[in-house]
Amino acid sequence: MKTAQKNRTDATLPMLLRSFKLPAFVREYGILGERAAAEGLSHPEYLQALAEVEAAERSARRIARLLEESKLPREKTLGSFDLERLPAKVRSTFATLRDGSFVDRAVNVIAFGNPGTGKTHLFSALGHELVRQNRTVLFAPTFQIVQRLLAARRDLRWRCSSPCWPSGTSARAC
């Protein structure tokens, strides 16, 4: 009787988990089930372990998707930027920006300076940090924004179909 029930479970459980869109559960339930039995974990502890694996995987997929959608230059991260070359005041300001609270307060941040001083790299690195905090970021060079504004003025309307903004964004949301 137990063998028949196990065969039925082995056949239907992965299908059910896939239908619920739980890929980590499908992949890990057997491995974690054996470990739970060996360690004497209770059913809730086993379920929590599975749920933690699923949550971690979903978080990683979301961050990867946000990074892709952000259009941030992949190579311009904090790891490839020498913060020591910045003046102390800029370093301290950047440190406060890294927590992302300026986004919550809807505070605009503008960087200006001579060409080649690292503004794009620094703000790209900030964008990468914000994405890792599960925040949505869209990188658009100034020239793209200016081109969109000039075209909108010329056409006397605002369209959001440029690669500078996500497709399908309504004029109100832009």
C-alpha atoms as a PDB file:
ATOM      1  CA  MET A   1       0.000   0.000   0.000  1.00  0.00           C
ATOM      2  CA  LYS A   2       2.773   2.464   0.934  1.00  0.00           C
ATOM      3  CA  THR A   3       4.670   1.692  -2.288  1.00  0.00           C
ATOM      4  CA  ALA A   4       1.596   2.428  -4.422  1.00  0.00           C
ATOM      5  CA  GLN A   5       1.011   5.694  -2.554  1.00  0.00           C
ATOM      6  CA  LYS A   6       4.700   6.683  -2.952  1.00  0.00           C
ATOM      7  CA  ASN A   7       4.571   5.933  -6.701  1.00  0.00           C
ATOM      8  CA  ARG A   8       1.420   8.030  -7.014  1.00  0.00           C
ATOM      9  CA  THR A   9       3.060  10.872  -5.064  1.00  0.00           C
ATOM     10  CA  ASP A  10       6.236  10.659  -7.149  1.00  0.00           C
ATOM     11  CA  ALA A  11       4.133  10.880 -10.310  1.00  0.00           C
ATOM     12  CA  THR A  12       1.673  13.621  -9.378  1.00  0.00           C
ATOM     13  CA  LEU A  13       3.503  15.865  -6.906  1.00  0.00           C
ATOM     14  CA  PRO A  14       5.964  17.355  -9.419  1.00  0.00           C
ATOM     15  CA  MET A  15       3.051  18.069 -11.790  1.00  0.00           C
ATOM     16  CA  LEU A  16       1.086  19.814  -9.059  1.00  0.00           C
ATOM     17  CA  LEU A  17       4.082  21.837  -7.923  1.00  0.00           C
ATOM     18  CA  ARG A  18       4.772  22.929 -11.514  1.00  0.00           C
ATOM     19  CA  SER A  19       1.145  23.963 -11.919  1.00  0.00           C
ATOM     20  CA  PHE A  20       1.525  26.116  -8.790  1.00  0.00           C
ATOM     21  CA  LYS A  21       4.696  27.584 -10.364  1.00  0.00           C
ATOM     22  CA  LEU A  22       7.021  26.308  -7.636  1.00  0.00           C
ATOM     23  CA  PRO A  23      10.125  25.201  -9.572  1.00  0.00           C
ATOM     24  CA  ALA A  24      12.410  25.089  -6.523  1.00  0.00           C
ATOM     25  CA  PHE A  25       9.888  22.860  -4.729  1.00  0.00           C
ATOM     26  CA  VAL A  26       9.885  20.499  -7.744  1.00  0.00           C
ATOM     27  CA  ARG A  27      13.677  20.342  -7.795  1.00  0.00           C
ATOM     28  CA  GLU A  28      14.308  20.189  -4.039  1.00  0.00           C
ATOM     29  CA  TYR A  29      11.394  18.378  -2.361  1.00  0.00           C
ATOM     30  CA  GLY A  30      12.999  14.928  -2.652  1.00  0.00           C
ATOM     31  CA  ILE A  31      16.450  16.022  -1.493  1.00  0.00           C
ATOM     32  CA  LEU A  32      15.080  18.094   1.388  1.00  0.00           C
ATOM     33  CA  GLY A  33      12.589  15.326   2.249  1.00  0.00           C
ATOM     34  CA  GLU A  34      15.403  12.827   2.702  1.00  0.00           C
ATOM     35  CA  ARG A  35      17.376  15.323   4.774  1.00  0.00           C
ATOM     36  CA  ALA A  36      14.306  16.133   6.879  1.00  0.00           C
ATOM     37  CA  ALA A  37      13.711  12.433   7.557  1.00  0.00           C
ATOM     38  CA  ALA A  38      17.377  11.887   8.454  1.00  0.00           C
ATOM     39  CA  GLU A  39      17.466  14.914  10.768  1.00  0.00           C
ATOM     40  CA  GLY A  40      14.038  14.296  12.241  1.00  0.00           C
ATOM     41  CA  LEU A  41      12.557  17.589  11.071  1.00  0.00           C
ATOM     42  CA  SER A  42       8.864  18.120  11.633  1.00  0.00           C
ATOM     43  CA  HIS A  43       6.509  18.671   8.690  1.00  0.00           C
ATOM     44  CA  PRO A  44       6.393  22.445   9.259  1.00  0.00           C
ATOM     45  CA  GLU A  45      10.203  22.601   9.468  1.00  0.00           C
ATOM     46  CA  TYR A  46      10.494  20.664   6.197  1.00  0.00           C
ATOM     47  CA  LEU A  47       7.922  22.914   4.549  1.00  0.00           C
ATOM     48  CA  GLN A  48       9.729  26.001   5.815  1.00  0.00           C
ATOM     49  CA  ALA A  49      13.033  24.753   4.378  1.00  0.00           C
ATOM     50  CA  LEU A  50      11.355  24.231   1.002  1.00  0.00           C
ATOM     51  CA  ALA A  51       9.691  27.636   1.155  1.00  0.00           C
ATOM     52  CA  GLU A  52      13.022  29.313   1.996  1.00  0.00           C
ATOM     53  CA  VAL A  53      14.677  27.707  -1.042  1.00  0.00           C
ATOM     54  CA  GLU A  54      11.785  28.833  -3.260  1.00  0.00           C
ATOM     55  CA  ALA A  55      11.886  32.384  -1.843  1.00  0.00           C
ATOM     56  CA  ALA A  56      15.654  32.676  -2.349  1.00  0.00           C
ATOM     57  CA  GLU A  57      15.383  31.447  -5.926  1.00  0.00           C
ATOM     58  CA  ARG A  58      12.516  33.832  -6.704  1.00  0.00           C
ATOM     59  CA  SER A  59      14.456  36.733  -5.238  1.00  0.00           C
ATOM     60  CA  ALA A  60      17.497  35.882  -7.352  1.00  0.00           C
ATOM     61  CA  ARG A  61      15.344  35.630 -10.495  1.00  0.00           C
ATOM     62  CA  ARG A  62      13.654  38.960  -9.715  1.00  0.00           C
ATOM     63  CA  ILE A  63      16.983  40.720  -9.244  1.00  0.00           C
ATOM     64  CA  ALA A  64      18.285  39.235 -12.505  1.00  0.00           C
ATOM     65  CA  ARG A  65      15.115  40.438 -14.279  1.00  0.00           C
ATOM     66  CA  LEU A  66      15.350  43.916 -12.724  1.00  0.00           C
ATOM     67  CA  LEU A  67      18.996  44.155 -13.780  1.00  0.00           C
ATOM     68  CA  GLU A  68      18.112  43.185 -17.342  1.00  0.00           C
ATOM     69  CA  GLU A  69      15.210  45.664 -17.508  1.00  0.00           C
ATOM     70  CA  SER A  70      17.262  48.473 -15.945  1.00  0.00           C
ATOM     71  CA  LYS A  71      19.463  48.783 -19.037  1.00  0.00           C
ATOM     72  CA  LEU A  72      22.380  49.533 -16.693  1.00  0.00           C
ATOM     73  CA  PRO A  73      25.856  49.064 -18.167  1.00  0.00           C
ATOM     74  CA  ARG A  74      26.873  45.653 -16.763  1.00  0.00           C
ATOM     75  CA  GLU A  75      30.533  46.511 -16.319  1.00  0.00           C
ATOM     76  CA  LYS A  76      29.972  49.747 -14.371  1.00  0.00           C
ATOM     77  CA  THR A  77      29.594  48.514 -10.804  1.00  0.00           C
ATOM     78  CA  LEU A  78      31.108  49.514  -7.476  1.00  0.00           C
ATOM     79  CA  GLY A  79      33.580  46.665  -7.820  1.00  0.00           C
ATOM     80  CA  SER A  80      35.126  48.346 -10.840  1.00  0.00           C
ATOM     81  CA  PHE A  81      35.058  51.901  -9.454  1.00  0.00           C
ATOM     82  CA  ASP A  82      37.703  53.404  -7.207  1.00  0.00           C
ATOM     83  CA  LEU A  83      35.751  55.428  -4.642  1.00  0.00           C
ATOM     84  CA  GLU A  84      39.017  56.786  -3.223  1.00  0.00           C
ATOM     85  CA  ARG A  85      39.481  58.988  -6.283  1.00  0.00           C
ATOM     86  CA  LEU A  86      36.356  60.955  -5.323  1.00  0.00           C
ATOM     87  CA  PRO A  87      36.457  63.972  -3.028  1.00  0.00           C
ATOM     88  CA  ALA A  88      35.490  63.173   0.580  1.00  0.00           C
ATOM     89  CA  LYS A  89      32.209  65.099   0.312  1.00  0.00           C
ATOM     90  CA  VAL A  90      31.129  63.135  -2.773  1.00  0.00           C
ATOM     91  CA  ARG A  91      32.105  59.838  -1.079  1.00  0.00           C
ATOM     92  CA  SER A  92      29.979  60.634   1.967  1.00  0.00           C
ATOM     93  CA  THR A  93      27.046  61.753  -0.200  1.00  0.00           C
ATOM     94  CA  PHE A  94      27.320  58.573  -2.251  1.00  0.00           C
ATOM     95  CA  ALA A  95      27.356  56.493   0.937  1.00  0.00           C
ATOM     96  CA  THR A  96      24.035  58.021   1.977  1.00  0.00           C
ATOM     97  CA  LEU A  97      22.565  57.456  -1.497  1.00  0.00           C
ATOM     98  CA  ARG A  98      23.414  53.746  -1.406  1.00  0.00           C
ATOM     99  CA  ASP A  99      20.666  52.986   1.121  1.00  0.00           C
ATOM    100  CA  GLY A 100      18.055  54.138  -1.403  1.00  0.00           C
ATOM    101  CA  SER A 101      16.062  56.285   0.996  1.00  0.00           C
ATOM    102  CA  PHE A 102      16.193  59.177  -1.489  1.00  0.00           C
ATOM    103  CA  VAL A 103      13.991  57.063  -3.776  1.00  0.00           C
ATOM    104  CA  ASP A 104      11.404  56.612  -1.015  1.00  0.00           C
ATOM    105  CA  ARG A 105      11.389  60.367  -0.438  1.00  0.00           C
ATOM    106  CA  ALA A 106      11.203  61.075  -4.234  1.00  0.00           C
ATOM    107  CA  VAL A 107      14.348  63.216  -4.090  1.00  0.00           C
ATOM    108  CA  ASN A 108      16.043  63.958  -7.403  1.00  0.00           C
ATOM    109  CA  VAL A 109      19.799  63.496  -7.635  1.00  0.00           C
ATOM    110  CA  ILE A 110      21.785  65.253 -10.339  1.00  0.00           C
ATOM    111  CA  ALA A 111      25.488  64.829 -11.073  1.00  0.00           C
ATOM    112  CA  PHE A 112      27.400  67.274 -13.196  1.00  0.00           C
ATOM    113  CA  GLY A 113      31.051  67.742 -13.980  1.00  0.00           C
ATOM    114  CA  ASN A 114      33.657  67.471 -16.666  1.00  0.00           C
ATOM    115  CA  PRO A 115      33.575  64.605 -19.162  1.00  0.00           C
ATOM    116  CA  GLY A 116      35.394  61.477 -18.098  1.00  0.00           C
ATOM    117  CA  THR A 117      35.192  62.085 -14.361  1.00  0.00           C
ATOM    118  CA  GLY A 118      33.112  58.974 -13.609  1.00  0.00           C
ATOM    119  CA  LYS A 119      29.581  60.336 -13.277  1.00  0.00           C
ATOM    120  CA  THR A 120      28.008  57.638 -15.443  1.00  0.00           C
ATOM    121  CA  HIS A 121      30.050  54.910 -13.783  1.00  0.00           C
ATOM    122  CA  LEU A 122      29.154  56.134 -10.291  1.00  0.00           C
ATOM    123  CA  PHE A 123      25.435  56.375 -11.002  1.00  0.00           C
ATOM    124  CA  SER A 124      25.434  53.045 -12.813  1.00  0.00           C
ATOM    125  CA  ALA A 125      27.059  51.518  -9.732  1.00  0.00           C
ATOM    126  CA  LEU A 126      24.374  53.154  -7.588  1.00  0.00           C
ATOM    127  CA  GLY A 127      21.729  51.680  -9.890  1.00  0.00           C
ATOM    128  CA  HIS A 128      23.237  48.206  -9.441  1.00  0.00           C
ATOM    129  CA  GLU A 129      23.129  48.662  -5.656  1.00  0.00           C
ATOM    130  CA  LEU A 130      19.479  49.723  -5.776  1.00  0.00           C
ATOM    131  CA  VAL A 131      18.542  46.736  -7.943  1.00  0.00           C
ATOM    132  CA  ARG A 132      20.200  44.433  -5.386  1.00  0.00           C
ATOM    133  CA  GLN A 133      17.896  46.064  -2.823  1.00  0.00           C
ATOM    134  CA  ASN A 134      14.971  44.899  -4.973  1.00  0.00           C
ATOM    135  CA  ARG A 135      14.254  48.361  -6.385  1.00  0.00           C
ATOM    136  CA  THR A 136      13.289  49.126  -9.964  1.00  0.00           C
ATOM    137  CA  VAL A 137      15.831  51.212 -11.860  1.00  0.00           C
ATOM    138  CA  LEU A 138      15.906  52.535 -15.414  1.00  0.00           C
ATOM    139  CA  PHE A 139      19.194  53.793 -16.817  1.00  0.00           C
ATOM    140  CA  ALA A 140      18.837  56.340 -19.605  1.00  0.00           C
ATOM    141  CA  PRO A 141      21.665  58.572 -20.795  1.00  0.00           C
ATOM    142  CA  THR A 142      20.848  62.271 -20.871  1.00  0.00           C
ATOM    143  CA  PHE A 143      20.973  62.433 -24.658  1.00  0.00           C
ATOM    144  CA  GLN A 144      18.141  59.864 -24.898  1.00  0.00           C
ATOM    145  CA  ILE A 145      15.979  61.816 -22.483  1.00  0.00           C
ATOM    146  CA  VAL A 146      16.650  65.093 -24.328  1.00  0.00           C
ATOM    147  CA  GLN A 147      15.845  63.448 -27.678  1.00  0.00           C
ATOM    148  CA  ARG A 148      12.544  62.160 -26.278  1.00  0.00           C
ATOM    149  CA  LEU A 149      11.640  65.587 -24.895  1.00  0.00           C
ATOM    150  CA  LEU A 150      12.514  67.332 -28.174  1.00  0.00           C
ATOM    151  CA  ALA A 151      10.474  64.823 -30.181  1.00  0.00           C
ATOM    152  CA  ALA A 152       7.530  65.255 -27.782  1.00  0.00           C
ATOM    153  CA  ARG A 153       7.699  69.018 -28.150  1.00  0.00           C
ATOM    154  CA  ARG A 154       7.932  68.731 -31.938  1.00  0.00           C
ATOM    155  CA  ASP A 155       4.982  66.332 -32.124  1.00  0.00           C
ATOM    156  CA  LEU A 156       3.056  68.128 -29.374  1.00  0.00           C
ATOM    157  CA  ARG A 157       2.515  64.845 -27.581  1.00  0.00           C
ATOM    158  CA  TRP A 158       4.319  62.438 -25.326  1.00  0.00           C
ATOM    159  CA  ARG A 159       4.818  58.829 -26.468  1.00  0.00           C
ATOM    160  CA  CYS A 160       6.513  56.190 -24.389  1.00  0.00           C
ATOM    161  CA  SER A 161       7.734  53.741 -27.008  1.00  0.00           C
ATOM    162  CA  SER A 162      11.413  54.659 -26.965  1.00  0.00           C
ATOM    163  CA  PRO A 163      14.018  52.232 -25.637  1.00  0.00           C
ATOM    164  CA  CYS A 164      14.582  54.924 -23.019  1.00  0.00           C
ATOM    165  CA  TRP A 165      11.293  53.952 -21.311  1.00  0.00           C
ATOM    166  CA  PRO A 166       9.661  50.550 -20.995  1.00  0.00           C
ATOM    167  CA  SER A 167       7.326  49.814 -23.884  1.00  0.00           C
ATOM    168  CA  GLY A 168       3.664  50.089 -23.131  1.00  0.00           C
ATOM    169  CA  THR A 169       4.142  52.792 -20.504  1.00  0.00           C
ATOM    170  CA  SER A 170       1.278  55.250 -20.630  1.00  0.00           C
ATOM    171  CA  ALA A 171       1.835  58.955 -21.061  1.00  0.00           C
ATOM    172  CA  ARG A 172       0.497  59.534 -17.565  1.00  0.00           C
ATOM    173  CA  ALA A 173       3.050  57.105 -16.078  1.00  0.00           C
ATOM    174  CA  CYS A 174       5.936  58.734 -17.941  1.00  0.00           C
END
